[in-house]
Amino acid sequence: MNKITVIWGVIFAALAVVFGAFGAHTLKSAISADALATFEVGVRYQMYHALALLAIGLTGALSTKIQKSILVFFVTGIVLFSGSIYLLSLKEILPFDPGVIGFITPIGGTFFIIGWLYFLIQVIKLKSI
């Protein structure tokens, strides 16, 4: 078990629940249905990757070094992808235009993809699980 990976997984999972509740209860009446759906995409991807971090951290199949690399890819992806999605979906109520950060979303998505591909390669290299 890699405690750091598990801790980050738990933190991001808990935050996904908080953001999901915020969206469902507070934002529902403050932003359009399309914007709320976009916000929920950010929450969903954050939770997917939080759960992946928990699974990776709780198994002893991958070395700490490999887990830390995956952690960096996924945390960066969560911050850039989900973070930018959150801001972009709130443009109706924010006092500034978050549209200028729209280019960050695909960069975050690329970090997710790289993390998953790196994870796949490392699993393929394993002699046994």
N, C-alpha and C. Protein backbone atom coordinates (compact mmCIF):
# COMPACT_ATOMS: atom_id res chain seq x y z
N MET A 1 0.84 -1.19 0.00
CA MET A 1 0.00 0.00 0.00
C MET A 1 0.88 1.25 0.00
N ASN A 2 0.49 2.21 -0.80
CA ASN A 2 1.18 3.49 -0.82
C ASN A 2 0.27 4.53 -0.18
N LYS A 3 0.62 4.92 1.03
CA LYS A 3 -0.22 5.81 1.83
C LYS A 3 -0.50 7.15 1.15
N ILE A 4 0.51 7.72 0.50
CA ILE A 4 0.35 9.03 -0.15
C ILE A 4 -0.68 8.95 -1.28
N THR A 5 -0.60 7.90 -2.09
CA THR A 5 -1.55 7.73 -3.19
C THR A 5 -2.96 7.56 -2.64
N VAL A 6 -3.11 6.77 -1.60
CA VAL A 6 -4.42 6.57 -0.98
C VAL A 6 -4.95 7.87 -0.40
N ILE A 7 -4.10 8.62 0.28
CA ILE A 7 -4.53 9.91 0.86
C ILE A 7 -5.04 10.84 -0.22
N TRP A 8 -4.31 10.97 -1.32
CA TRP A 8 -4.76 11.84 -2.40
C TRP A 8 -6.06 11.33 -3.01
N GLY A 9 -6.19 10.01 -3.14
CA GLY A 9 -7.44 9.45 -3.64
C GLY A 9 -8.61 9.79 -2.75
N VAL A 10 -8.42 9.65 -1.44
CA VAL A 10 -9.49 9.97 -0.48
C VAL A 10 -9.83 11.46 -0.53
N ILE A 11 -8.82 12.31 -0.57
CA ILE A 11 -9.06 13.76 -0.63
C ILE A 11 -9.88 14.13 -1.86
N PHE A 12 -9.46 13.63 -3.02
CA PHE A 12 -10.17 13.98 -4.25
C PHE A 12 -11.56 13.35 -4.32
N ALA A 13 -11.74 12.16 -3.74
CA ALA A 13 -13.07 11.54 -3.70
C ALA A 13 -14.00 12.36 -2.80
N ALA A 14 -13.50 12.75 -1.64
CA ALA A 14 -14.31 13.55 -0.72
C ALA A 14 -14.69 14.89 -1.36
N LEU A 15 -13.72 15.51 -2.02
CA LEU A 15 -14.01 16.79 -2.69
C LEU A 15 -15.02 16.61 -3.83
N ALA A 16 -14.96 15.49 -4.52
CA ALA A 16 -15.92 15.22 -5.59
C ALA A 16 -17.33 15.14 -5.01
N VAL A 17 -17.47 14.51 -3.86
CA VAL A 17 -18.78 14.44 -3.20
C VAL A 17 -19.24 15.84 -2.79
N VAL A 18 -18.34 16.62 -2.22
CA VAL A 18 -18.68 18.00 -1.82
C VAL A 18 -19.09 18.81 -3.04
N PHE A 19 -18.30 18.74 -4.12
CA PHE A 19 -18.62 19.52 -5.33
C PHE A 19 -19.92 19.02 -5.96
N GLY A 20 -20.14 17.72 -5.95
CA GLY A 20 -21.38 17.17 -6.49
C GLY A 20 -22.59 17.66 -5.71
N ALA A 21 -22.49 17.67 -4.40
CA ALA A 21 -23.59 18.17 -3.56
C ALA A 21 -23.79 19.66 -3.79
N PHE A 22 -22.69 20.40 -3.90
CA PHE A 22 -22.77 21.84 -4.19
C PHE A 22 -23.50 22.08 -5.50
N GLY A 23 -23.15 21.29 -6.51
CA GLY A 23 -23.81 21.44 -7.80
C GLY A 23 -25.29 21.11 -7.74
N ALA A 24 -25.61 20.00 -7.07
CA ALA A 24 -27.00 19.55 -7.01
C ALA A 24 -27.89 20.46 -6.17
N HIS A 25 -27.33 21.04 -5.13
CA HIS A 25 -28.17 21.80 -4.21
C HIS A 25 -28.04 23.32 -4.34
N THR A 26 -26.85 23.81 -4.61
CA THR A 26 -26.65 25.25 -4.65
C THR A 26 -26.66 25.79 -6.08
N LEU A 27 -25.96 25.11 -6.97
CA LEU A 27 -25.84 25.62 -8.33
C LEU A 27 -27.07 25.37 -9.18
N LYS A 28 -27.87 24.40 -8.80
CA LYS A 28 -29.04 24.01 -9.59
C LYS A 28 -29.91 25.21 -9.96
N SER A 29 -30.06 26.13 -9.03
CA SER A 29 -30.91 27.30 -9.29
C SER A 29 -30.10 28.52 -9.75
N ALA A 30 -28.79 28.41 -9.76
CA ALA A 30 -27.96 29.58 -10.07
C ALA A 30 -27.40 29.59 -11.49
N ILE A 31 -27.30 28.39 -12.11
CA ILE A 31 -26.74 28.31 -13.47
C ILE A 31 -27.69 27.49 -14.35
N SER A 32 -27.47 27.58 -15.64
CA SER A 32 -28.33 26.86 -16.58
C SER A 32 -28.14 25.35 -16.46
N ALA A 33 -29.09 24.62 -17.01
CA ALA A 33 -29.02 23.15 -17.00
C ALA A 33 -27.78 22.66 -17.76
N ASP A 34 -27.45 23.31 -18.86
CA ASP A 34 -26.25 22.93 -19.62
C ASP A 34 -24.97 23.16 -18.81
N ALA A 35 -24.91 24.29 -18.14
CA ALA A 35 -23.74 24.60 -17.31
C ALA A 35 -23.63 23.61 -16.15
N LEU A 36 -24.76 23.24 -15.57
CA LEU A 36 -24.76 22.26 -14.48
C LEU A 36 -24.30 20.90 -14.98
N ALA A 37 -24.73 20.52 -16.17
CA ALA A 37 -24.29 19.25 -16.76
C ALA A 37 -22.78 19.27 -16.98
N THR A 38 -22.26 20.40 -17.41
CA THR A 38 -20.82 20.55 -17.60
C THR A 38 -20.09 20.42 -16.26
N PHE A 39 -20.61 21.08 -15.24
CA PHE A 39 -20.03 20.99 -13.90
C PHE A 39 -19.97 19.54 -13.45
N GLU A 40 -21.05 18.80 -13.71
CA GLU A 40 -21.12 17.40 -13.31
C GLU A 40 -20.09 16.54 -14.03
N VAL A 41 -19.71 16.91 -15.24
CA VAL A 41 -18.64 16.19 -15.95
C VAL A 41 -17.33 16.32 -15.17
N GLY A 42 -17.05 17.52 -14.69
CA GLY A 42 -15.84 17.73 -13.88
C GLY A 42 -15.86 16.87 -12.63
N VAL A 43 -17.01 16.82 -11.96
CA VAL A 43 -17.15 16.01 -10.74
C VAL A 43 -16.94 14.53 -11.07
N ARG A 44 -17.57 14.08 -12.14
CA ARG A 44 -17.48 12.67 -12.53
C ARG A 44 -16.04 12.25 -12.82
N TYR A 45 -15.33 13.04 -13.61
CA TYR A 45 -13.95 12.70 -13.94
C TYR A 45 -13.04 12.77 -12.71
N GLN A 46 -13.33 13.71 -11.83
CA GLN A 46 -12.56 13.79 -10.59
C GLN A 46 -12.77 12.51 -9.77
N MET A 47 -14.01 12.07 -9.66
CA MET A 47 -14.30 10.86 -8.87
C MET A 47 -13.69 9.62 -9.53
N TYR A 48 -13.78 9.50 -10.85
CA TYR A 48 -13.18 8.34 -11.53
C TYR A 48 -11.70 8.23 -11.17
N HIS A 49 -11.02 9.34 -11.23
CA HIS A 49 -9.57 9.32 -11.00
C HIS A 49 -9.22 9.19 -9.52
N ALA A 50 -10.08 9.71 -8.65
CA ALA A 50 -9.88 9.50 -7.22
C ALA A 50 -10.00 8.02 -6.89
N LEU A 51 -11.00 7.36 -7.45
CA LEU A 51 -11.18 5.92 -7.21
C LEU A 51 -10.02 5.11 -7.79
N ALA A 52 -9.53 5.54 -8.94
CA ALA A 52 -8.37 4.86 -9.53
C ALA A 52 -7.15 5.01 -8.62
N LEU A 53 -6.96 6.20 -8.05
CA LEU A 53 -5.84 6.41 -7.13
C LEU A 53 -5.97 5.51 -5.90
N LEU A 54 -7.19 5.36 -5.40
CA LEU A 54 -7.41 4.48 -4.26
C LEU A 54 -7.04 3.04 -4.62
N ALA A 55 -7.49 2.58 -5.76
CA ALA A 55 -7.20 1.21 -6.19
C ALA A 55 -5.70 1.01 -6.37
N ILE A 56 -5.05 1.97 -7.01
CA ILE A 56 -3.61 1.87 -7.25
C ILE A 56 -2.85 1.90 -5.92
N GLY A 57 -3.25 2.78 -5.04
CA GLY A 57 -2.55 2.92 -3.76
C GLY A 57 -2.77 1.76 -2.81
N LEU A 58 -3.92 1.11 -2.91
CA LEU A 58 -4.23 0.01 -1.98
C LEU A 58 -3.65 -1.34 -2.42
N THR A 59 -3.25 -1.42 -3.66
CA THR A 59 -2.65 -2.67 -4.13
C THR A 59 -1.13 -2.57 -4.03
N GLY A 60 -0.50 -3.66 -3.82
CA GLY A 60 0.96 -3.67 -3.74
C GLY A 60 1.60 -4.11 -5.04
N ALA A 61 0.82 -4.16 -6.11
CA ALA A 61 1.32 -4.68 -7.38
C ALA A 61 2.34 -3.77 -8.05
N LEU A 62 2.20 -2.46 -7.85
CA LEU A 62 3.10 -1.50 -8.51
C LEU A 62 4.04 -0.88 -7.48
N SER A 63 5.24 -0.61 -7.92
CA SER A 63 6.22 0.00 -7.02
C SER A 63 5.79 1.40 -6.63
N THR A 64 6.35 1.89 -5.54
CA THR A 64 6.05 3.24 -5.06
C THR A 64 6.41 4.27 -6.13
N LYS A 65 7.50 4.07 -6.81
CA LYS A 65 7.95 5.01 -7.85
C LYS A 65 6.91 5.09 -8.98
N ILE A 66 6.41 3.95 -9.41
CA ILE A 66 5.40 3.92 -10.47
C ILE A 66 4.11 4.57 -9.98
N GLN A 67 3.71 4.25 -8.76
CA GLN A 67 2.49 4.84 -8.19
C GLN A 67 2.61 6.36 -8.11
N LYS A 68 3.76 6.84 -7.72
CA LYS A 68 3.95 8.29 -7.62
C LYS A 68 3.84 8.96 -8.99
N SER A 69 4.35 8.28 -10.03
CA SER A 69 4.24 8.84 -11.39
C SER A 69 2.79 8.91 -11.82
N ILE A 70 2.04 7.84 -11.59
CA ILE A 70 0.62 7.84 -11.93
C ILE A 70 -0.11 8.91 -11.12
N LEU A 71 0.24 9.03 -9.85
CA LEU A 71 -0.34 10.05 -8.98
C LEU A 71 -0.15 11.44 -9.57
N VAL A 72 1.05 11.74 -10.02
CA VAL A 72 1.33 13.07 -10.59
C VAL A 72 0.48 13.30 -11.83
N PHE A 73 0.39 12.30 -12.72
CA PHE A 73 -0.43 12.46 -13.93
C PHE A 73 -1.89 12.69 -13.57
N PHE A 74 -2.43 11.90 -12.64
CA PHE A 74 -3.85 12.00 -12.31
C PHE A 74 -4.17 13.27 -11.52
N VAL A 75 -3.32 13.66 -10.59
CA VAL A 75 -3.57 14.89 -9.83
C VAL A 75 -3.50 16.09 -10.76
N THR A 76 -2.52 16.10 -11.64
CA THR A 76 -2.43 17.20 -12.61
C THR A 76 -3.66 17.22 -13.50
N GLY A 77 -4.10 16.05 -13.94
CA GLY A 77 -5.30 15.97 -14.75
C GLY A 77 -6.53 16.47 -14.02
N ILE A 78 -6.68 16.07 -12.76
CA ILE A 78 -7.83 16.52 -11.97
C ILE A 78 -7.82 18.05 -11.83
N VAL A 79 -6.69 18.59 -11.46
CA VAL A 79 -6.60 20.04 -11.24
C VAL A 79 -6.87 20.80 -12.54
N LEU A 80 -6.23 20.37 -13.63
CA LEU A 80 -6.38 21.10 -14.89
C LEU A 80 -7.70 20.82 -15.57
N PHE A 81 -8.09 19.55 -15.69
CA PHE A 81 -9.32 19.20 -16.39
C PHE A 81 -10.55 19.59 -15.57
N SER A 82 -10.69 18.94 -14.42
CA SER A 82 -11.88 19.20 -13.60
C SER A 82 -11.90 20.64 -13.12
N GLY A 83 -10.76 21.16 -12.69
CA GLY A 83 -10.70 22.55 -12.21
C GLY A 83 -11.14 23.54 -13.26
N SER A 84 -10.67 23.37 -14.50
CA SER A 84 -11.07 24.29 -15.56
C SER A 84 -12.54 24.10 -15.93
N ILE A 85 -13.02 22.86 -15.89
CA ILE A 85 -14.44 22.59 -16.17
C ILE A 85 -15.31 23.31 -15.12
N TYR A 86 -14.91 23.21 -13.86
CA TYR A 86 -15.67 23.89 -12.80
C TYR A 86 -15.77 25.39 -13.09
N LEU A 87 -14.64 26.00 -13.37
CA LEU A 87 -14.64 27.44 -13.62
C LEU A 87 -15.44 27.81 -14.87
N LEU A 88 -15.25 27.05 -15.94
CA LEU A 88 -15.96 27.35 -17.18
C LEU A 88 -17.48 27.20 -17.02
N SER A 89 -17.90 26.23 -16.24
CA SER A 89 -19.34 26.02 -16.06
C SER A 89 -19.97 27.10 -15.18
N LEU A 90 -19.15 27.81 -14.42
CA LEU A 90 -19.66 28.87 -13.53
C LEU A 90 -19.60 30.27 -14.14
N LYS A 91 -19.30 30.35 -15.43
CA LYS A 91 -19.12 31.67 -16.06
C LYS A 91 -20.34 32.57 -15.93
N GLU A 92 -21.53 31.97 -15.79
CA GLU A 92 -22.75 32.78 -15.64
C GLU A 92 -22.78 33.55 -14.32
N ILE A 93 -22.08 33.07 -13.31
CA ILE A 93 -22.16 33.71 -11.99
C ILE A 93 -20.82 34.27 -11.50
N LEU A 94 -19.76 34.01 -12.23
CA LEU A 94 -18.45 34.53 -11.81
C LEU A 94 -18.30 35.99 -12.23
N PRO A 95 -17.57 36.78 -11.45
CA PRO A 95 -17.39 38.20 -11.78
C PRO A 95 -16.32 38.43 -12.86
N PHE A 96 -15.78 37.34 -13.41
CA PHE A 96 -14.78 37.45 -14.47
C PHE A 96 -15.10 36.38 -15.51
N ASP A 97 -14.49 36.52 -16.67
CA ASP A 97 -14.73 35.56 -17.75
C ASP A 97 -13.67 34.47 -17.70
N PRO A 98 -14.06 33.25 -17.31
CA PRO A 98 -13.08 32.16 -17.23
C PRO A 98 -12.77 31.55 -18.61
N GLY A 99 -13.38 32.09 -19.65
CA GLY A 99 -13.18 31.55 -21.00
C GLY A 99 -11.73 31.51 -21.44
N VAL A 100 -10.92 32.40 -20.88
CA VAL A 100 -9.51 32.45 -21.28
C VAL A 100 -8.74 31.21 -20.83
N ILE A 101 -9.31 30.43 -19.90
CA ILE A 101 -8.60 29.23 -19.45
C ILE A 101 -9.10 27.96 -20.16
N GLY A 102 -9.97 28.14 -21.15
CA GLY A 102 -10.53 26.99 -21.86
C GLY A 102 -9.49 26.07 -22.46
N PHE A 103 -8.33 26.59 -22.81
CA PHE A 103 -7.28 25.77 -23.40
C PHE A 103 -6.69 24.78 -22.39
N ILE A 104 -6.92 25.01 -21.09
CA ILE A 104 -6.35 24.14 -20.05
C ILE A 104 -7.07 22.80 -19.98
N THR A 105 -8.35 22.78 -20.31
CA THR A 105 -9.14 21.55 -20.19
C THR A 105 -8.53 20.39 -20.99
N PRO A 106 -8.22 20.56 -22.27
CA PRO A 106 -7.63 19.42 -22.99
C PRO A 106 -6.22 19.04 -22.51
N ILE A 107 -5.53 20.00 -21.92
CA ILE A 107 -4.21 19.66 -21.35
C ILE A 107 -4.41 18.72 -20.16
N GLY A 108 -5.40 19.02 -19.33
CA GLY A 108 -5.73 18.14 -18.21
C GLY A 108 -6.16 16.76 -18.70
N GLY A 109 -6.98 16.74 -19.74
CA GLY A 109 -7.41 15.47 -20.32
C GLY A 109 -6.23 14.67 -20.85
N THR A 110 -5.26 15.36 -21.41
CA THR A 110 -4.05 14.69 -21.90
C THR A 110 -3.27 14.06 -20.75
N PHE A 111 -3.22 14.74 -19.62
CA PHE A 111 -2.55 14.15 -18.45
C PHE A 111 -3.28 12.89 -17.99
N PHE A 112 -4.62 12.90 -18.04
CA PHE A 112 -5.37 11.68 -17.71
C PHE A 112 -4.97 10.54 -18.65
N ILE A 113 -4.97 10.83 -19.94
CA ILE A 113 -4.65 9.80 -20.93
C ILE A 113 -3.24 9.27 -20.73
N ILE A 114 -2.28 10.16 -20.54
CA ILE A 114 -0.90 9.74 -20.32
C ILE A 114 -0.81 8.87 -19.06
N GLY A 115 -1.51 9.27 -18.01
CA GLY A 115 -1.51 8.49 -16.78
C GLY A 115 -2.06 7.09 -16.99
N TRP A 116 -3.17 6.99 -17.72
CA TRP A 116 -3.75 5.67 -17.99
C TRP A 116 -2.84 4.83 -18.87
N LEU A 117 -2.23 5.43 -19.89
CA LEU A 117 -1.31 4.67 -20.75
C LEU A 117 -0.08 4.21 -19.98
N TYR A 118 0.45 5.08 -19.14
CA TYR A 118 1.60 4.70 -18.31
C TYR A 118 1.22 3.56 -17.38
N PHE A 119 0.04 3.66 -16.78
CA PHE A 119 -0.48 2.61 -15.91
C PHE A 119 -0.58 1.29 -16.68
N LEU A 120 -1.14 1.34 -17.88
CA LEU A 120 -1.28 0.14 -18.72
C LEU A 120 0.08 -0.49 -19.01
N ILE A 121 1.03 0.32 -19.41
CA ILE A 121 2.37 -0.19 -19.73
C ILE A 121 2.99 -0.86 -18.50
N GLN A 122 2.83 -0.25 -17.34
CA GLN A 122 3.42 -0.82 -16.13
C GLN A 122 2.74 -2.13 -15.73
N VAL A 123 1.43 -2.23 -15.94
CA VAL A 123 0.72 -3.47 -15.64
C VAL A 123 1.16 -4.56 -16.60
N ILE A 124 1.31 -4.21 -17.88
CA ILE A 124 1.78 -5.21 -18.86
C ILE A 124 3.14 -5.73 -18.50
N LYS A 125 4.00 -4.88 -17.96
CA LYS A 125 5.36 -5.28 -17.58
C LYS A 125 5.41 -6.20 -16.38
N LEU A 126 4.35 -6.21 -15.58
CA LEU A 126 4.34 -7.05 -14.37
C LEU A 126 4.46 -8.52 -14.71
N LYS A 127 5.22 -9.24 -13.92
CA LYS A 127 5.36 -10.68 -14.10
C LYS A 127 4.09 -11.39 -13.62
N SER A 128 3.53 -10.87 -12.52
CA SER A 128 2.26 -11.41 -12.00
C SER A 128 1.60 -10.35 -11.14
N ILE A 129 0.32 -10.52 -10.94
CA ILE A 129 -0.42 -9.57 -10.09
C ILE A 129 -0.89 -10.32 -8.86
